[in-house]
Amino acid sequence: NAEETTAGARPREDSVSQKPGDSLTTSKTMAQLVVT
């Protein structure tokens, strides 16, 4: 799922840092693969 980050908002701990003023969309963890 995509977790939108509004312009100038402080990113969550699990998102990527951005330049202030940019509205770069980040997401939470993707569906994990189960490896056997």
All heavy atoms as atom14 arrays in JSON, in Angstrom:
{
  "sequence": "NAEETTAGARPREDSVSQKPGDSLTTSKTMAQLVVT",
  "atom14_mask": [
    [1, 1, 1, 1, 1, 1, 1, 1, 0, 0, 0, 0, 0, 0],
    [1, 1, 1, 1, 1, 0, 0, 0, 0, 0, 0, 0, 0, 0],
    [1, 1, 1, 1, 1, 1, 1, 1, 1, 0, 0, 0, 0, 0],
    [1, 1, 1, 1, 1, 1, 1, 1, 1, 0, 0, 0, 0, 0],
    [1, 1, 1, 1, 1, 1, 1, 0, 0, 0, 0, 0, 0, 0],
    [1, 1, 1, 1, 1, 1, 1, 0, 0, 0, 0, 0, 0, 0],
    [1, 1, 1, 1, 1, 0, 0, 0, 0, 0, 0, 0, 0, 0],
    [1, 1, 1, 1, 0, 0, 0, 0, 0, 0, 0, 0, 0, 0],
    [1, 1, 1, 1, 1, 0, 0, 0, 0, 0, 0, 0, 0, 0],
    [1, 1, 1, 1, 1, 1, 1, 1, 1, 1, 1, 0, 0, 0],
    [1, 1, 1, 1, 1, 1, 1, 0, 0, 0, 0, 0, 0, 0],
    [1, 1, 1, 1, 1, 1, 1, 1, 1, 1, 1, 0, 0, 0],
    [1, 1, 1, 1, 1, 1, 1, 1, 1, 0, 0, 0, 0, 0],
    [1, 1, 1, 1, 1, 1, 1, 1, 0, 0, 0, 0, 0, 0],
    [1, 1, 1, 1, 1, 1, 0, 0, 0, 0, 0, 0, 0, 0],
    [1, 1, 1, 1, 1, 1, 1, 0, 0, 0, 0, 0, 0, 0],
    [1, 1, 1, 1, 1, 1, 0, 0, 0, 0, 0, 0, 0, 0],
    [1, 1, 1, 1, 1, 1, 1, 1, 1, 0, 0, 0, 0, 0],
    [1, 1, 1, 1, 1, 1, 1, 1, 1, 0, 0, 0, 0, 0],
    [1, 1, 1, 1, 1, 1, 1, 0, 0, 0, 0, 0, 0, 0],
    [1, 1, 1, 1, 0, 0, 0, 0, 0, 0, 0, 0, 0, 0],
    [1, 1, 1, 1, 1, 1, 1, 1, 0, 0, 0, 0, 0, 0],
    [1, 1, 1, 1, 1, 1, 0, 0, 0, 0, 0, 0, 0, 0],
    [1, 1, 1, 1, 1, 1, 1, 1, 0, 0, 0, 0, 0, 0],
    [1, 1, 1, 1, 1, 1, 1, 0, 0, 0, 0, 0, 0, 0],
    [1, 1, 1, 1, 1, 1, 1, 0, 0, 0, 0, 0, 0, 0],
    [1, 1, 1, 1, 1, 1, 0, 0, 0, 0, 0, 0, 0, 0],
    [1, 1, 1, 1, 1, 1, 1, 1, 1, 0, 0, 0, 0, 0],
    [1, 1, 1, 1, 1, 1, 1, 0, 0, 0, 0, 0, 0, 0],
    [1, 1, 1, 1, 1, 1, 1, 1, 0, 0, 0, 0, 0, 0],
    [1, 1, 1, 1, 1, 0, 0, 0, 0, 0, 0, 0, 0, 0],
    [1, 1, 1, 1, 1, 1, 1, 1, 1, 0, 0, 0, 0, 0],
    [1, 1, 1, 1, 1, 1, 1, 1, 0, 0, 0, 0, 0, 0],
    [1, 1, 1, 1, 1, 1, 1, 0, 0, 0, 0, 0, 0, 0],
    [1, 1, 1, 1, 1, 1, 1, 0, 0, 0, 0, 0, 0, 0],
    [1, 1, 1, 1, 1, 1, 1, 0, 0, 0, 0, 0, 0, 0]
  ],
  "atom14_positions": [
    [[0.83, -1.19, 0.0], [0.0, 0.0, 0.0], [0.87, 1.25, 0.0], [1.97, 1.24, 0.53], [-0.9, 0.03, 1.24], [-1.94, -1.06, 1.2], [-2.48, -1.37, 0.14], [-2.21, -1.67, 2.34], [0.0, 0.0, 0.0], [0.0, 0.0, 0.0], [0.0, 0.0, 0.0], [0.0, 0.0, 0.0], [0.0, 0.0, 0.0], [0.0, 0.0, 0.0]],
    [[0.36, 2.32, -0.59], [1.08, 3.59, -0.61], [0.64, 4.44, 0.57], [-0.54, 4.56, 0.84], [0.8, 4.34, -1.91], [0.0, 0.0, 0.0], [0.0, 0.0, 0.0], [0.0, 0.0, 0.0], [0.0, 0.0, 0.0], [0.0, 0.0, 0.0], [0.0, 0.0, 0.0], [0.0, 0.0, 0.0], [0.0, 0.0, 0.0], [0.0, 0.0, 0.0]],
    [[1.58, 5.02, 1.25], [1.26, 5.93, 2.35], [1.72, 7.32, 1.94], [2.91, 7.6, 1.87], [1.98, 5.49, 3.63], [1.69, 6.37, 4.82], [2.46, 5.89, 6.02], [2.05, 4.9, 6.63], [3.49, 6.49, 6.33], [0.0, 0.0, 0.0], [0.0, 0.0, 0.0], [0.0, 0.0, 0.0], [0.0, 0.0, 0.0], [0.0, 0.0, 0.0]],
    [[0.79, 8.19, 1.62], [1.16, 9.48, 1.09], [1.71, 10.38, 2.2], [1.25, 10.37, 3.32], [-0.06, 10.16, 0.45], [-0.56, 9.4, -0.78], [-1.65, 10.15, -1.5], [-2.01, 11.25, -1.05], [-2.13, 9.63, -2.51], [0.0, 0.0, 0.0], [0.0, 0.0, 0.0], [0.0, 0.0, 0.0], [0.0, 0.0, 0.0], [0.0, 0.0, 0.0]],
    [[2.75, 11.16, 1.82], [3.37, 12.1, 2.74], [3.13, 13.5, 2.2], [3.52, 13.82, 1.09], [4.89, 11.83, 2.83], [5.09, 10.49, 3.24], [5.54, 12.76, 3.83], [0.0, 0.0, 0.0], [0.0, 0.0, 0.0], [0.0, 0.0, 0.0], [0.0, 0.0, 0.0], [0.0, 0.0, 0.0], [0.0, 0.0, 0.0], [0.0, 0.0, 0.0]],
    [[2.47, 14.34, 2.98], [2.17, 15.68, 2.52], [3.42, 16.54, 2.5], [4.4, 16.27, 3.18], [1.13, 16.34, 3.44], [1.63, 16.34, 4.78], [-0.17, 15.56, 3.4], [0.0, 0.0, 0.0], [0.0, 0.0, 0.0], [0.0, 0.0, 0.0], [0.0, 0.0, 0.0], [0.0, 0.0, 0.0], [0.0, 0.0, 0.0], [0.0, 0.0, 0.0]],
    [[3.39, 17.6, 1.7], [4.55, 18.47, 1.53], [4.97, 19.05, 2.88], [4.16, 19.57, 3.64], [4.21, 19.6, 0.57], [0.0, 0.0, 0.0], [0.0, 0.0, 0.0], [0.0, 0.0, 0.0], [0.0, 0.0, 0.0], [0.0, 0.0, 0.0], [0.0, 0.0, 0.0], [0.0, 0.0, 0.0], [0.0, 0.0, 0.0], [0.0, 0.0, 0.0]],
    [[6.25, 18.93, 3.17], [6.79, 19.5, 4.4], [6.57, 18.68, 5.64], [7.05, 19.03, 6.7], [0.0, 0.0, 0.0], [0.0, 0.0, 0.0], [0.0, 0.0, 0.0], [0.0, 0.0, 0.0], [0.0, 0.0, 0.0], [0.0, 0.0, 0.0], [0.0, 0.0, 0.0], [0.0, 0.0, 0.0], [0.0, 0.0, 0.0], [0.0, 0.0, 0.0]],
    [[5.85, 17.57, 5.53], [5.59, 16.75, 6.71], [6.83, 15.96, 7.08], [7.63, 15.59, 6.23], [4.43, 15.79, 6.45], [0.0, 0.0, 0.0], [0.0, 0.0, 0.0], [0.0, 0.0, 0.0], [0.0, 0.0, 0.0], [0.0, 0.0, 0.0], [0.0, 0.0, 0.0], [0.0, 0.0, 0.0], [0.0, 0.0, 0.0], [0.0, 0.0, 0.0]],
    [[6.97, 15.73, 8.36], [8.1, 14.93, 8.82], [7.85, 13.46, 8.48], [6.81, 12.91, 8.81], [8.26, 15.07, 10.34], [9.46, 14.29, 10.88], [9.6, 14.52, 12.37], [10.73, 13.77, 12.9], [11.09, 13.79, 14.16], [10.4, 14.54, 15.04], [12.13, 13.09, 14.58], [0.0, 0.0, 0.0], [0.0, 0.0, 0.0], [0.0, 0.0, 0.0]],
    [[8.81, 12.8, 7.78], [8.59, 11.4, 7.4], [8.49, 10.49, 8.61], [9.05, 10.77, 9.66], [9.85, 11.07, 6.58], [10.46, 12.38, 6.24], [10.09, 13.31, 7.35], [0.0, 0.0, 0.0], [0.0, 0.0, 0.0], [0.0, 0.0, 0.0], [0.0, 0.0, 0.0], [0.0, 0.0, 0.0], [0.0, 0.0, 0.0], [0.0, 0.0, 0.0]],
    [[7.74, 9.38, 8.45], [7.68, 8.36, 9.48], [9.05, 7.7, 9.6], [9.88, 7.8, 8.72], [6.66, 7.28, 9.09], [5.22, 7.75, 9.11], [4.36, 6.72, 8.41], [4.58, 5.38, 8.95], [3.81, 4.81, 9.85], [2.78, 5.47, 10.36], [4.06, 3.59, 10.29], [0.0, 0.0, 0.0], [0.0, 0.0, 0.0], [0.0, 0.0, 0.0]],
    [[9.27, 6.97, 10.7], [10.55, 6.3, 10.88], [10.81, 5.26, 9.82], [11.94, 4.93, 9.54], [10.59, 5.64, 12.27], [10.64, 6.66, 13.4], [10.76, 5.99, 14.75], [10.8, 4.74, 14.79], [10.82, 6.7, 15.76], [0.0, 0.0, 0.0], [0.0, 0.0, 0.0], [0.0, 0.0, 0.0], [0.0, 0.0, 0.0], [0.0, 0.0, 0.0]],
    [[9.73, 4.69, 9.23], [9.94, 3.66, 8.22], [9.86, 4.21, 6.81], [9.73, 3.49, 5.85], [8.94, 2.5, 8.4], [7.5, 2.96, 8.22], [7.28, 4.19, 8.14], [6.61, 2.1, 8.18], [0.0, 0.0, 0.0], [0.0, 0.0, 0.0], [0.0, 0.0, 0.0], [0.0, 0.0, 0.0], [0.0, 0.0, 0.0], [0.0, 0.0, 0.0]],
    [[9.92, 5.53, 6.66], [9.93, 6.11, 5.33], [11.25, 6.79, 5.07], [12.13, 6.83, 5.9], [8.76, 7.08, 5.14], [8.6, 7.93, 6.22], [0.0, 0.0, 0.0], [0.0, 0.0, 0.0], [0.0, 0.0, 0.0], [0.0, 0.0, 0.0], [0.0, 0.0, 0.0], [0.0, 0.0, 0.0], [0.0, 0.0, 0.0], [0.0, 0.0, 0.0]],
    [[11.43, 7.32, 3.85], [12.7, 7.89, 3.44], [12.67, 9.39, 3.62], [11.67, 10.04, 3.33], [12.96, 7.55, 1.95], [14.28, 8.11, 1.49], [12.93, 6.04, 1.77], [0.0, 0.0, 0.0], [0.0, 0.0, 0.0], [0.0, 0.0, 0.0], [0.0, 0.0, 0.0], [0.0, 0.0, 0.0], [0.0, 0.0, 0.0], [0.0, 0.0, 0.0]],
    [[13.78, 9.96, 4.09], [13.84, 11.4, 4.28], [13.71, 12.13, 2.95], [14.12, 11.64, 1.91], [15.18, 11.78, 4.93], [15.31, 11.16, 6.18], [0.0, 0.0, 0.0], [0.0, 0.0, 0.0], [0.0, 0.0, 0.0], [0.0, 0.0, 0.0], [0.0, 0.0, 0.0], [0.0, 0.0, 0.0], [0.0, 0.0, 0.0], [0.0, 0.0, 0.0]],
    [[13.12, 13.32, 2.99], [12.88, 14.09, 1.8], [13.33, 15.53, 1.99], [13.49, 16.0, 3.1], [11.39, 14.14, 1.46], [10.69, 12.82, 1.44], [9.21, 13.02, 1.48], [8.7, 13.96, 0.91], [8.52, 12.17, 2.18], [0.0, 0.0, 0.0], [0.0, 0.0, 0.0], [0.0, 0.0, 0.0], [0.0, 0.0, 0.0], [0.0, 0.0, 0.0]],
    [[13.51, 16.24, 0.88], [13.73, 17.67, 0.97], [12.42, 18.33, 1.38], [11.36, 17.96, 0.88], [14.14, 18.24, -0.39], [15.53, 17.83, -0.83], [15.99, 18.66, -1.99], [15.06, 18.58, -3.17], [15.54, 19.32, -4.34], [0.0, 0.0, 0.0], [0.0, 0.0, 0.0], [0.0, 0.0, 0.0], [0.0, 0.0, 0.0], [0.0, 0.0, 0.0]],
    [[12.45, 19.33, 2.28], [11.24, 20.05, 2.63], [10.6, 20.66, 1.38], [11.28, 21.19, 0.51], [11.74, 21.14, 3.58], [13.02, 20.59, 4.14], [13.62, 19.8, 3.02], [0.0, 0.0, 0.0], [0.0, 0.0, 0.0], [0.0, 0.0, 0.0], [0.0, 0.0, 0.0], [0.0, 0.0, 0.0], [0.0, 0.0, 0.0], [0.0, 0.0, 0.0]],
    [[9.28, 20.55, 1.3], [8.57, 21.15, 0.18], [8.24, 20.18, -0.93], [7.45, 20.47, -1.8], [0.0, 0.0, 0.0], [0.0, 0.0, 0.0], [0.0, 0.0, 0.0], [0.0, 0.0, 0.0], [0.0, 0.0, 0.0], [0.0, 0.0, 0.0], [0.0, 0.0, 0.0], [0.0, 0.0, 0.0], [0.0, 0.0, 0.0], [0.0, 0.0, 0.0]],
    [[8.88, 19.02, -0.92], [8.58, 18.02, -1.94], [7.46, 17.12, -1.47], [7.36, 16.79, -0.31], [9.81, 17.15, -2.24], [10.82, 17.88, -3.11], [10.45, 18.94, -3.64], [11.95, 17.41, -3.23], [0.0, 0.0, 0.0], [0.0, 0.0, 0.0], [0.0, 0.0, 0.0], [0.0, 0.0, 0.0], [0.0, 0.0, 0.0], [0.0, 0.0, 0.0]],
    [[6.61, 16.69, -2.39], [5.52, 15.78, -2.04], [5.79, 14.41, -2.63], [5.06, 13.92, -3.46], [4.19, 16.33, -2.57], [4.26, 16.53, -3.96], [0.0, 0.0, 0.0], [0.0, 0.0, 0.0], [0.0, 0.0, 0.0], [0.0, 0.0, 0.0], [0.0, 0.0, 0.0], [0.0, 0.0, 0.0], [0.0, 0.0, 0.0], [0.0, 0.0, 0.0]],
    [[6.9, 13.84, -2.2], [7.28, 12.51, -2.66], [6.51, 11.46, -1.88], [6.5, 11.48, -0.67], [8.79, 12.31, -2.45], [9.41, 11.03, -2.98], [9.34, 11.01, -4.49], [10.85, 10.94, -2.51], [0.0, 0.0, 0.0], [0.0, 0.0, 0.0], [0.0, 0.0, 0.0], [0.0, 0.0, 0.0], [0.0, 0.0, 0.0], [0.0, 0.0, 0.0]],
    [[5.84, 10.56, -2.58], [5.04, 9.53, -1.93], [5.93, 8.36, -1.54], [6.75, 7.91, -2.32], [3.94, 9.04, -2.88], [3.15, 10.14, -3.27], [3.08, 8.0, -2.21], [0.0, 0.0, 0.0], [0.0, 0.0, 0.0], [0.0, 0.0, 0.0], [0.0, 0.0, 0.0], [0.0, 0.0, 0.0], [0.0, 0.0, 0.0], [0.0, 0.0, 0.0]],
    [[5.76, 7.87, -0.33], [6.47, 6.68, 0.09], [5.44, 5.64, 0.5], [4.23, 5.88, 0.46], [7.41, 6.96, 1.27], [6.62, 7.36, 2.39], [8.39, 8.05, 0.92], [0.0, 0.0, 0.0], [0.0, 0.0, 0.0], [0.0, 0.0, 0.0], [0.0, 0.0, 0.0], [0.0, 0.0, 0.0], [0.0, 0.0, 0.0], [0.0, 0.0, 0.0]],
    [[5.92, 4.46, 0.9], [4.98, 3.42, 1.32], [5.51, 2.7, 2.52], [6.67, 2.8, 2.88], [4.76, 2.41, 0.19], [5.85, 1.53, 0.12], [0.0, 0.0, 0.0], [0.0, 0.0, 0.0], [0.0, 0.0, 0.0], [0.0, 0.0, 0.0], [0.0, 0.0, 0.0], [0.0, 0.0, 0.0], [0.0, 0.0, 0.0], [0.0, 0.0, 0.0]],
    [[4.64, 1.9, 3.12], [5.06, 1.01, 4.19], [5.64, -0.24, 3.55], [5.81, -0.32, 2.34], [3.87, 0.68, 5.08], [3.26, 1.92, 5.74], [2.09, 1.57, 6.6], [2.53, 0.9, 7.87], [1.42, 0.65, 8.79], [0.0, 0.0, 0.0], [0.0, 0.0, 0.0], [0.0, 0.0, 0.0], [0.0, 0.0, 0.0], [0.0, 0.0, 0.0]],
    [[5.94, -1.22, 4.36], [6.56, -2.43, 3.83], [5.65, -3.13, 2.84], [4.44, -3.17, 3.0], [6.88, -3.42, 4.98], [5.7, -3.65, 5.72], [7.94, -2.85, 5.89], [0.0, 0.0, 0.0], [0.0, 0.0, 0.0], [0.0, 0.0, 0.0], [0.0, 0.0, 0.0], [0.0, 0.0, 0.0], [0.0, 0.0, 0.0], [0.0, 0.0, 0.0]],
    [[6.27, -3.68, 1.77], [5.5, -4.4, 0.77], [5.15, -5.79, 1.31], [5.66, -6.22, 2.34], [6.31, -4.53, -0.52], [7.49, -5.48, -0.41], [8.36, -5.7, -1.95], [7.13, -6.59, -2.88], [0.0, 0.0, 0.0], [0.0, 0.0, 0.0], [0.0, 0.0, 0.0], [0.0, 0.0, 0.0], [0.0, 0.0, 0.0], [0.0, 0.0, 0.0]],
    [[4.26, -6.46, 0.59], [3.92, -7.83, 0.97], [5.19, -8.68, 0.94], [5.86, -8.75, -0.07], [2.88, -8.39, 0.01], [0.0, 0.0, 0.0], [0.0, 0.0, 0.0], [0.0, 0.0, 0.0], [0.0, 0.0, 0.0], [0.0, 0.0, 0.0], [0.0, 0.0, 0.0], [0.0, 0.0, 0.0], [0.0, 0.0, 0.0], [0.0, 0.0, 0.0]],
    [[5.51, -9.3, 2.06], [6.76, -10.03, 2.19], [6.7, -11.38, 1.47], [5.67, -12.04, 1.46], [7.08, -10.25, 3.65], [7.37, -8.99, 4.42], [8.75, -8.44, 4.09], [9.73, -9.16, 4.12], [8.81, -7.17, 3.76], [0.0, 0.0, 0.0], [0.0, 0.0, 0.0], [0.0, 0.0, 0.0], [0.0, 0.0, 0.0], [0.0, 0.0, 0.0]],
    [[7.85, -11.77, 0.91], [7.94, -13.11, 0.36], [8.22, -14.1, 1.49], [9.0, -13.81, 2.4], [9.09, -13.19, -0.65], [8.9, -12.52, -2.0], [10.07, -12.89, -2.91], [7.59, -12.92, -2.67], [0.0, 0.0, 0.0], [0.0, 0.0, 0.0], [0.0, 0.0, 0.0], [0.0, 0.0, 0.0], [0.0, 0.0, 0.0], [0.0, 0.0, 0.0]],
    [[7.58, -15.24, 1.42], [7.9, -16.34, 2.31], [8.9, -17.23, 1.59], [8.59, -17.79, 0.53], [6.65, -17.15, 2.7], [7.02, -18.34, 3.57], [5.64, -16.25, 3.42], [0.0, 0.0, 0.0], [0.0, 0.0, 0.0], [0.0, 0.0, 0.0], [0.0, 0.0, 0.0], [0.0, 0.0, 0.0], [0.0, 0.0, 0.0], [0.0, 0.0, 0.0]],
    [[10.11, -17.31, 2.11], [11.19, -18.07, 1.48], [11.34, -19.41, 2.21], [11.49, -19.44, 3.43], [12.52, -17.28, 1.53], [13.65, -18.12, 0.94], [12.39, -15.96, 0.78], [0.0, 0.0, 0.0], [0.0, 0.0, 0.0], [0.0, 0.0, 0.0], [0.0, 0.0, 0.0], [0.0, 0.0, 0.0], [0.0, 0.0, 0.0], [0.0, 0.0, 0.0]],
    [[11.3, -20.5, 1.45], [11.52, -21.84, 2.01], [12.84, -22.38, 1.5], [13.1, -22.38, 0.29], [10.39, -22.8, 1.6], [9.14, -22.28, 2.08], [10.62, -24.18, 2.2], [0.0, 0.0, 0.0], [0.0, 0.0, 0.0], [0.0, 0.0, 0.0], [0.0, 0.0, 0.0], [0.0, 0.0, 0.0], [0.0, 0.0, 0.0], [0.0, 0.0, 0.0]]
  ]
}
